């Protein structure tokens, strides 16, 4: 395949800005995320990484600029954002599972209510995904009965039950004990191999180096550098990035 094959742009961000009062968190961000990209966003705490991710599905409302998802301007107030969010799986730091529902209900409520799937079909698809992450035996457990690593794998499965076109991960391992991180990264690694489009905010540099198609460095509300992982980690150009990598690697 020739290197100049045109890639299908899934998300296009144009001049994205976000302010909280007088604090400018994002400053004129421009970036394209193509189908099949595994984009890792790294940078110091407070640099705007999570705000950027949450703007992509309007969990945070941008102050200025535009975000096009599959060709639709989702920053337009007339856009049915809930419809588009169904195609954007989101995995949070703190799992956000419904504590009063067992795992099967957690996984099937959205496909049944939002997509009109029959219960039997939704449950069958949920079990298939649970088997993939090694948790089919926990289908009728409650979130309080699971470890942190198990909860986060369930949270990933819950997003996948909607058959999204892109998965957004907001520091998915930061709330986990170190020994549980690997089981979550294993699921994400499999998704990357299957060419699932992913945008990942993380501090896991080794994982970024291993699975990213490109890595983006954010500081003070700007993207200062982006490159494929071998170049990003091996030959950084930006001085601020060099300093950051010297501290975290």
C-alpha atoms as a PDB file:
ATOM      1  CA  UNK A   1       0.000   0.000   0.000  1.00  0.00           C
ATOM      2  CA  UNK A   2       1.427   3.370  -0.926  1.00  0.00           C
ATOM      3  CA  UNK A   3       2.339   5.732   1.903  1.00  0.00           C
ATOM      4  CA  UNK A   4       0.192   8.543   0.521  1.00  0.00           C
ATOM      5  CA  UNK A   5      -3.110   6.615   0.676  1.00  0.00           C
ATOM      6  CA  UNK A   6      -5.675   9.120   1.934  1.00  0.00           C
ATOM      7  CA  UNK A   7      -6.731   8.385   5.494  1.00  0.00           C
ATOM      8  CA  UNK A   8     -10.334   8.742   6.598  1.00  0.00           C
ATOM      9  CA  UNK A   9     -10.585  11.553   9.149  1.00  0.00           C
ATOM     10  CA  UNK A  10     -12.859  10.523  12.023  1.00  0.00           C
ATOM     11  CA  UNK A  11     -12.414  13.593  14.268  1.00  0.00           C
ATOM     12  CA  UNK A  12     -11.257  17.032  13.098  1.00  0.00           C
ATOM     13  CA  UNK A  13     -10.523  19.649  15.758  1.00  0.00           C
ATOM     14  CA  UNK A  14     -10.275  23.257  14.567  1.00  0.00           C
ATOM     15  CA  UNK A  15      -9.080  26.145  16.743  1.00  0.00           C
ATOM     16  CA  UNK A  16     -10.435  24.517  19.915  1.00  0.00           C
ATOM     17  CA  UNK A  17     -10.361  26.730  22.986  1.00  0.00           C
ATOM     18  CA  UNK A  18     -11.647  26.138  26.512  1.00  0.00           C
ATOM     19  CA  UNK A  19     -11.678  28.583  29.378  1.00  0.00           C
ATOM     20  CA  UNK A  20     -12.867  28.267  32.957  1.00  0.00           C
ATOM     21  CA  UNK A  21     -13.473  31.880  33.915  1.00  0.00           C
ATOM     22  CA  UNK A  22     -10.180  33.718  33.356  1.00  0.00           C
ATOM     23  CA  UNK A  23      -8.166  30.493  33.101  1.00  0.00           C
ATOM     24  CA  UNK A  24      -7.447  29.429  29.508  1.00  0.00           C
ATOM     25  CA  UNK A  25      -7.007  25.666  29.589  1.00  0.00           C
ATOM     26  CA  UNK A  26      -6.978  24.968  25.826  1.00  0.00           C
ATOM     27  CA  UNK A  27      -5.576  27.475  23.354  1.00  0.00           C
ATOM     28  CA  UNK A  28      -6.345  27.115  19.665  1.00  0.00           C
ATOM     29  CA  UNK A  29      -5.949  23.339  19.256  1.00  0.00           C
ATOM     30  CA  UNK A  30      -5.921  21.927  15.707  1.00  0.00           C
ATOM     31  CA  UNK A  31      -5.652  18.179  15.180  1.00  0.00           C
ATOM     32  CA  UNK A  32      -7.030  15.378  12.989  1.00  0.00           C
ATOM     33  CA  UNK A  33      -7.665  11.884  14.309  1.00  0.00           C
ATOM     34  CA  UNK A  34      -7.962   9.341  11.516  1.00  0.00           C
ATOM     35  CA  UNK A  35      -9.760   6.009  11.447  1.00  0.00           C
ATOM     36  CA  UNK A  36      -7.475   3.381  12.999  1.00  0.00           C
ATOM     37  CA  UNK A  37      -5.253   5.908  14.788  1.00  0.00           C
ATOM     38  CA  UNK A  38      -4.123   5.084  18.315  1.00  0.00           C
ATOM     39  CA  UNK A  39      -3.297   8.557  19.614  1.00  0.00           C
ATOM     40  CA  UNK A  40      -1.700   9.002  23.023  1.00  0.00           C
ATOM     41  CA  UNK A  41      -1.822  12.418  24.691  1.00  0.00           C
ATOM     42  CA  UNK A  42       0.870  12.945  27.318  1.00  0.00           C
ATOM     43  CA  UNK A  43       2.121  15.877  29.327  1.00  0.00           C
ATOM     44  CA  UNK A  44       2.411  17.265  32.860  1.00  0.00           C
ATOM     45  CA  UNK A  45      -0.579  17.437  35.203  1.00  0.00           C
ATOM     46  CA  UNK A  46      -2.715  20.500  34.571  1.00  0.00           C
ATOM     47  CA  UNK A  47      -1.632  20.842  30.942  1.00  0.00           C
ATOM     48  CA  UNK A  48      -5.182  20.395  29.554  1.00  0.00           C
ATOM     49  CA  UNK A  49      -5.060  16.736  28.468  1.00  0.00           C
ATOM     50  CA  UNK A  50      -8.268  15.542  30.140  1.00  0.00           C
ATOM     51  CA  UNK A  51     -10.104  18.748  29.207  1.00  0.00           C
ATOM     52  CA  UNK A  52      -9.147  18.169  25.556  1.00  0.00           C
ATOM     53  CA  UNK A  53     -10.446  14.580  25.714  1.00  0.00           C
ATOM     54  CA  UNK A  54     -13.701  15.610  27.410  1.00  0.00           C
ATOM     55  CA  UNK A  55     -14.274  18.317  24.795  1.00  0.00           C
ATOM     56  CA  UNK A  56     -14.178  15.653  22.049  1.00  0.00           C
ATOM     57  CA  UNK A  57     -17.592  14.366  23.134  1.00  0.00           C
ATOM     58  CA  UNK A  58     -18.719  17.643  24.719  1.00  0.00           C
ATOM     59  CA  UNK A  59     -18.619  16.432  28.306  1.00  0.00           C
ATOM     60  CA  UNK A  60     -16.852  19.786  28.526  1.00  0.00           C
ATOM     61  CA  UNK A  61     -18.360  22.483  26.322  1.00  0.00           C
ATOM     62  CA  UNK A  62     -15.670  24.174  24.187  1.00  0.00           C
ATOM     63  CA  UNK A  63     -15.473  27.948  24.564  1.00  0.00           C
ATOM     64  CA  UNK A  64     -14.462  28.389  20.928  1.00  0.00           C
ATOM     65  CA  UNK A  65     -13.606  26.435  17.807  1.00  0.00           C
ATOM     66  CA  UNK A  66     -15.186  23.433  16.129  1.00  0.00           C
ATOM     67  CA  UNK A  67     -15.077  19.641  16.473  1.00  0.00           C
ATOM     68  CA  UNK A  68     -16.216  17.583  13.496  1.00  0.00           C
ATOM     69  CA  UNK A  69     -17.022  13.925  14.205  1.00  0.00           C
ATOM     70  CA  UNK A  70     -17.634  11.781  11.123  1.00  0.00           C
ATOM     71  CA  UNK A  71     -18.249  14.981   9.155  1.00  0.00           C
ATOM     72  CA  UNK A  72     -20.788  16.539  11.561  1.00  0.00           C
ATOM     73  CA  UNK A  73     -19.967  19.684  13.538  1.00  0.00           C
ATOM     74  CA  UNK A  74     -20.809  18.421  17.043  1.00  0.00           C
ATOM     75  CA  UNK A  75     -20.091  21.865  18.526  1.00  0.00           C
ATOM     76  CA  UNK A  76     -23.145  23.192  16.665  1.00  0.00           C
ATOM     77  CA  UNK A  77     -25.946  23.669  19.218  1.00  0.00           C
ATOM     78  CA  UNK A  78     -28.428  22.084  16.782  1.00  0.00           C
ATOM     79  CA  UNK A  79     -26.484  18.792  16.726  1.00  0.00           C
ATOM     80  CA  UNK A  80     -27.985  15.873  18.668  1.00  0.00           C
ATOM     81  CA  UNK A  81     -24.870  15.243  20.747  1.00  0.00           C
ATOM     82  CA  UNK A  82     -26.385  12.211  22.536  1.00  0.00           C
ATOM     83  CA  UNK A  83     -26.712  10.427  19.201  1.00  0.00           C
ATOM     84  CA  UNK A  84     -23.038  11.042  18.417  1.00  0.00           C
ATOM     85  CA  UNK A  85     -21.894  10.093  21.922  1.00  0.00           C
ATOM     86  CA  UNK A  86     -23.288   6.607  21.263  1.00  0.00           C
ATOM     87  CA  UNK A  87     -20.465   6.186  18.730  1.00  0.00           C
ATOM     88  CA  UNK A  88     -17.801   7.510  21.118  1.00  0.00           C
ATOM     89  CA  UNK A  89     -16.971   5.078  23.911  1.00  0.00           C
ATOM     90  CA  UNK A  90     -15.602   6.794  27.038  1.00  0.00           C
ATOM     91  CA  UNK A  91     -13.595   5.147  29.798  1.00  0.00           C
ATOM     92  CA  UNK A  92     -12.991   7.228  32.924  1.00  0.00           C
ATOM     93  CA  UNK A  93     -10.405   7.094  35.712  1.00  0.00           C
ATOM     94  CA  UNK A  94     -13.008   6.082  38.289  1.00  0.00           C
ATOM     95  CA  UNK A  95     -14.928   3.423  36.275  1.00  0.00           C
ATOM     96  CA  UNK A  96     -18.373   5.105  36.733  1.00  0.00           C
ATOM     97  CA  UNK A  97     -20.254   1.787  36.904  1.00  0.00           C
ATOM     98  CA  UNK A  98     -23.782   1.825  38.337  1.00  0.00           C
ATOM     99  CA  UNK A  99     -23.307   0.378  41.863  1.00  0.00           C
ATOM    100  CA  UNK A 100     -26.938  -0.782  42.255  1.00  0.00           C
ATOM    101  CA  UNK A 101     -26.894  -2.898  39.070  1.00  0.00           C
ATOM    102  CA  UNK A 102     -25.111  -6.179  38.469  1.00  0.00           C
ATOM    103  CA  UNK A 103     -22.513  -6.306  35.696  1.00  0.00           C
ATOM    104  CA  UNK A 104     -24.901  -7.696  33.073  1.00  0.00           C
ATOM    105  CA  UNK A 105     -27.355  -4.832  33.672  1.00  0.00           C
ATOM    106  CA  UNK A 106     -24.483  -2.313  33.571  1.00  0.00           C
ATOM    107  CA  UNK A 107     -23.527  -3.663  30.153  1.00  0.00           C
ATOM    108  CA  UNK A 108     -26.967  -4.038  28.579  1.00  0.00           C
ATOM    109  CA  UNK A 109     -28.920  -0.989  29.774  1.00  0.00           C
ATOM    110  CA  UNK A 110     -27.514   1.409  27.140  1.00  0.00           C
ATOM    111  CA  UNK A 111     -27.776  -0.907  24.087  1.00  0.00           C
ATOM    112  CA  UNK A 112     -31.360  -1.787  25.081  1.00  0.00           C
ATOM    113  CA  UNK A 113     -32.538   1.754  25.939  1.00  0.00           C
ATOM    114  CA  UNK A 114     -30.597   3.806  23.390  1.00  0.00           C
ATOM    115  CA  UNK A 115     -30.303   1.364  20.480  1.00  0.00           C
ATOM    116  CA  UNK A 116     -33.480  -0.640  21.050  1.00  0.00           C
ATOM    117  CA  UNK A 117     -31.649  -3.969  21.210  1.00  0.00           C
ATOM    118  CA  UNK A 118     -33.690  -6.948  22.453  1.00  0.00           C
ATOM    119  CA  UNK A 119     -32.541  -8.130  25.889  1.00  0.00           C
ATOM    120  CA  UNK A 120     -31.419 -11.556  24.686  1.00  0.00           C
ATOM    121  CA  UNK A 121     -29.270 -10.075  21.913  1.00  0.00           C
ATOM    122  CA  UNK A 122     -27.752  -7.448  24.230  1.00  0.00           C
ATOM    123  CA  UNK A 123     -26.913 -10.110  26.842  1.00  0.00           C
ATOM    124  CA  UNK A 124     -25.398 -12.441  24.242  1.00  0.00           C
ATOM    125  CA  UNK A 125     -23.117  -9.673  22.949  1.00  0.00           C
ATOM    126  CA  UNK A 126     -22.183  -8.681  26.520  1.00  0.00           C
ATOM    127  CA  UNK A 127     -21.194 -12.251  27.405  1.00  0.00           C
ATOM    128  CA  UNK A 128     -19.035 -12.499  24.260  1.00  0.00           C
ATOM    129  CA  UNK A 129     -17.180  -9.333  25.289  1.00  0.00           C
ATOM    130  CA  UNK A 130     -16.889 -10.467  28.915  1.00  0.00           C
ATOM    131  CA  UNK A 131     -15.296 -13.702  27.686  1.00  0.00           C
ATOM    132  CA  UNK A 132     -12.780 -11.623  25.728  1.00  0.00           C
ATOM    133  CA  UNK A 133     -11.618  -9.853  28.888  1.00  0.00           C
ATOM    134  CA  UNK A 134     -11.742 -12.993  31.047  1.00  0.00           C
ATOM    135  CA  UNK A 135     -14.707 -11.922  33.199  1.00  0.00           C
ATOM    136  CA  UNK A 136     -17.667 -13.995  31.929  1.00  0.00           C
ATOM    137  CA  UNK A 137     -17.947 -15.567  35.404  1.00  0.00           C
ATOM    138  CA  UNK A 138     -18.602 -12.116  36.936  1.00  0.00           C
ATOM    139  CA  UNK A 139     -21.706 -11.306  34.846  1.00  0.00           C
ATOM    140  CA  UNK A 140     -24.003 -11.320  37.886  1.00  0.00           C
ATOM    141  CA  UNK A 141     -21.599  -9.826  40.417  1.00  0.00           C
ATOM    142  CA  UNK A 142     -21.995  -6.236  41.571  1.00  0.00           C
ATOM    143  CA  UNK A 143     -19.280  -3.578  41.109  1.00  0.00           C
ATOM    144  CA  UNK A 144     -18.525  -3.600  44.868  1.00  0.00           C
ATOM    145  CA  UNK A 145     -17.511  -7.279  44.541  1.00  0.00           C
ATOM    146  CA  UNK A 146     -14.840  -6.570  41.899  1.00  0.00           C
ATOM    147  CA  UNK A 147     -11.232  -5.412  42.088  1.00  0.00           C
ATOM    148  CA  UNK A 148     -10.229  -2.113  40.518  1.00  0.00           C
ATOM    149  CA  UNK A 149      -8.702  -3.858  37.521  1.00  0.00           C
ATOM    150  CA  UNK A 150     -11.866  -5.901  37.003  1.00  0.00           C
ATOM    151  CA  UNK A 151     -14.050  -2.771  37.255  1.00  0.00           C
ATOM    152  CA  UNK A 152     -11.984  -0.988  34.639  1.00  0.00           C
ATOM    153  CA  UNK A 153     -12.126  -3.958  32.262  1.00  0.00           C
ATOM    154  CA  UNK A 154     -15.922  -3.970  32.737  1.00  0.00           C
ATOM    155  CA  UNK A 155     -15.992  -0.218  32.030  1.00  0.00           C
ATOM    156  CA  UNK A 156     -14.174  -0.865  28.729  1.00  0.00           C
ATOM    157  CA  UNK A 157     -16.617  -3.659  27.857  1.00  0.00           C
ATOM    158  CA  UNK A 158     -19.560  -1.374  28.671  1.00  0.00           C
ATOM    159  CA  UNK A 159     -18.263   1.158  26.136  1.00  0.00           C
ATOM    160  CA  UNK A 160     -17.664  -1.596  23.544  1.00  0.00           C
ATOM    161  CA  UNK A 161     -21.241  -2.900  23.940  1.00  0.00           C
ATOM    162  CA  UNK A 162     -22.370   0.218  22.045  1.00  0.00           C
ATOM    163  CA  UNK A 163     -20.117  -0.728  19.088  1.00  0.00           C
ATOM    164  CA  UNK A 164     -18.431   2.706  19.052  1.00  0.00           C
ATOM    165  CA  UNK A 165     -16.340   4.082  16.192  1.00  0.00           C
ATOM    166  CA  UNK A 166     -13.795   5.598  18.581  1.00  0.00           C
ATOM    167  CA  UNK A 167     -12.768   4.922  22.188  1.00  0.00           C
ATOM    168  CA  UNK A 168     -11.699   7.761  24.499  1.00  0.00           C
ATOM    169  CA  UNK A 169      -9.636   6.801  27.562  1.00  0.00           C
ATOM    170  CA  UNK A 170      -9.070   9.343  30.346  1.00  0.00           C
ATOM    171  CA  UNK A 171      -6.110   8.056  32.382  1.00  0.00           C
ATOM    172  CA  UNK A 172      -7.717   4.599  32.635  1.00  0.00           C
ATOM    173  CA  UNK A 173      -5.035   3.133  34.936  1.00  0.00           C
ATOM    174  CA  UNK A 174      -4.391   6.064  37.286  1.00  0.00           C
ATOM    175  CA  UNK A 175      -6.816   4.850  39.979  1.00  0.00           C
ATOM    176  CA  UNK A 176      -5.499   1.256  39.932  1.00  0.00           C
ATOM    177  CA  UNK A 177      -3.036  -0.560  42.160  1.00  0.00           C
ATOM    178  CA  UNK A 178       0.169  -1.214  40.185  1.00  0.00           C
ATOM    179  CA  UNK A 179      -0.437  -4.985  39.926  1.00  0.00           C
ATOM    180  CA  UNK A 180      -3.821  -4.377  38.280  1.00  0.00           C
ATOM    181  CA  UNK A 181      -2.579  -2.000  35.590  1.00  0.00           C
ATOM    182  CA  UNK A 182      -1.368  -4.808  33.308  1.00  0.00           C
ATOM    183  CA  UNK A 183      -4.775  -6.472  32.961  1.00  0.00           C
ATOM    184  CA  UNK A 184      -6.356  -3.210  31.754  1.00  0.00           C
ATOM    185  CA  UNK A 185      -3.481  -2.416  29.390  1.00  0.00           C
ATOM    186  CA  UNK A 186      -3.833  -5.947  27.984  1.00  0.00           C
ATOM    187  CA  UNK A 187      -7.419  -5.230  26.902  1.00  0.00           C
ATOM    188  CA  UNK A 188      -6.374  -1.898  25.376  1.00  0.00           C
ATOM    189  CA  UNK A 189      -3.468  -3.579  23.588  1.00  0.00           C
ATOM    190  CA  UNK A 190      -5.911  -6.049  21.972  1.00  0.00           C
ATOM    191  CA  UNK A 191      -8.151  -3.173  20.837  1.00  0.00           C
ATOM    192  CA  UNK A 192      -5.163  -1.423  19.269  1.00  0.00           C
ATOM    193  CA  UNK A 193      -4.249  -4.630  17.387  1.00  0.00           C
ATOM    194  CA  UNK A 194      -7.820  -4.752  16.054  1.00  0.00           C
ATOM    195  CA  UNK A 195      -7.367  -1.189  14.687  1.00  0.00           C
ATOM    196  CA  UNK A 196      -9.937   0.369  17.016  1.00  0.00           C
ATOM    197  CA  UNK A 197      -9.563   4.158  16.800  1.00  0.00           C
ATOM    198  CA  UNK A 198      -8.437   5.309  20.248  1.00  0.00           C
ATOM    199  CA  UNK A 199      -7.502   8.567  21.952  1.00  0.00           C
ATOM    200  CA  UNK A 200      -5.727   7.878  25.241  1.00  0.00           C
ATOM    201  CA  UNK A 201      -4.703  10.345  27.941  1.00  0.00           C
ATOM    202  CA  UNK A 202      -2.135   8.538  30.080  1.00  0.00           C
ATOM    203  CA  UNK A 203       1.054   8.625  32.127  1.00  0.00           C
ATOM    204  CA  UNK A 204       1.972   5.094  30.957  1.00  0.00           C
ATOM    205  CA  UNK A 205       4.938   6.019  28.746  1.00  0.00           C
ATOM    206  CA  UNK A 206       6.091   2.461  28.095  1.00  0.00           C
ATOM    207  CA  UNK A 207       2.612   1.536  26.898  1.00  0.00           C
ATOM    208  CA  UNK A 208       2.460   4.620  24.659  1.00  0.00           C
ATOM    209  CA  UNK A 209       5.808   3.633  23.160  1.00  0.00           C
ATOM    210  CA  UNK A 210       4.482   0.124  22.479  1.00  0.00           C
ATOM    211  CA  UNK A 211       1.007   0.647  20.980  1.00  0.00           C
ATOM    212  CA  UNK A 212       0.567   4.272  19.849  1.00  0.00           C
ATOM    213  CA  UNK A 213       0.543   5.179  16.162  1.00  0.00           C
ATOM    214  CA  UNK A 214       1.429   8.708  17.296  1.00  0.00           C
ATOM    215  CA  UNK A 215       2.056  10.515  20.550  1.00  0.00           C
ATOM    216  CA  UNK A 216       1.113  14.134  21.246  1.00  0.00           C
ATOM    217  CA  UNK A 217       2.714  16.280  23.949  1.00  0.00           C
ATOM    218  CA  UNK A 218       0.563  18.904  25.634  1.00  0.00           C
ATOM    219  CA  UNK A 219       1.721  21.664  27.933  1.00  0.00           C
ATOM    220  CA  UNK A 220      -0.016  24.858  29.046  1.00  0.00           C
ATOM    221  CA  UNK A 221      -2.999  24.272  26.741  1.00  0.00           C
ATOM    222  CA  UNK A 222      -1.004  23.737  23.525  1.00  0.00           C
ATOM    223  CA  UNK A 223       0.143  20.696  21.587  1.00  0.00           C
ATOM    224  CA  UNK A 224       3.870  21.361  21.357  1.00  0.00           C
ATOM    225  CA  UNK A 225       4.957  18.238  19.479  1.00  0.00           C
ATOM    226  CA  UNK A 226       3.479  15.145  17.875  1.00  0.00           C
ATOM    227  CA  UNK A 227       5.268  12.248  16.206  1.00  0.00           C
ATOM    228  CA  UNK A 228       5.279   8.460  15.851  1.00  0.00           C
ATOM    229  CA  UNK A 229       6.445   6.892  19.147  1.00  0.00           C
ATOM    230  CA  UNK A 230       9.960   5.938  18.001  1.00  0.00           C
ATOM    231  CA  UNK A 231      10.617   9.543  16.953  1.00  0.00           C
ATOM    232  CA  UNK A 232       8.712  11.111  19.864  1.00  0.00           C
ATOM    233  CA  UNK A 233      10.670   9.210  22.515  1.00  0.00           C
ATOM    234  CA  UNK A 234      13.919   8.706  20.575  1.00  0.00           C
ATOM    235  CA  UNK A 235      14.444  12.109  18.921  1.00  0.00           C
ATOM    236  CA  UNK A 236      12.272  14.741  20.630  1.00  0.00           C
ATOM    237  CA  UNK A 237      12.685  18.225  19.138  1.00  0.00           C
ATOM    238  CA  UNK A 238      10.828  20.503  21.550  1.00  0.00           C
ATOM    239  CA  UNK A 239      12.893  21.597  24.571  1.00  0.00           C
ATOM    240  CA  UNK A 240       9.914  21.377  26.939  1.00  0.00           C
ATOM    241  CA  UNK A 241       9.247  17.814  25.762  1.00  0.00           C
ATOM    242  CA  UNK A 242      12.919  16.884  26.267  1.00  0.00           C
ATOM    243  CA  UNK A 243      12.705  18.141  29.861  1.00  0.00           C
ATOM    244  CA  UNK A 244       9.432  16.280  30.454  1.00  0.00           C
ATOM    245  CA  UNK A 245      10.806  12.986  29.109  1.00  0.00           C
ATOM    246  CA  UNK A 246      14.000  13.336  31.167  1.00  0.00           C
ATOM    247  CA  UNK A 247      11.824  13.389  34.293  1.00  0.00           C
ATOM    248  CA  UNK A 248       9.325  10.634  33.453  1.00  0.00           C
ATOM    249  CA  UNK A 249      11.451   8.043  31.657  1.00  0.00           C
END
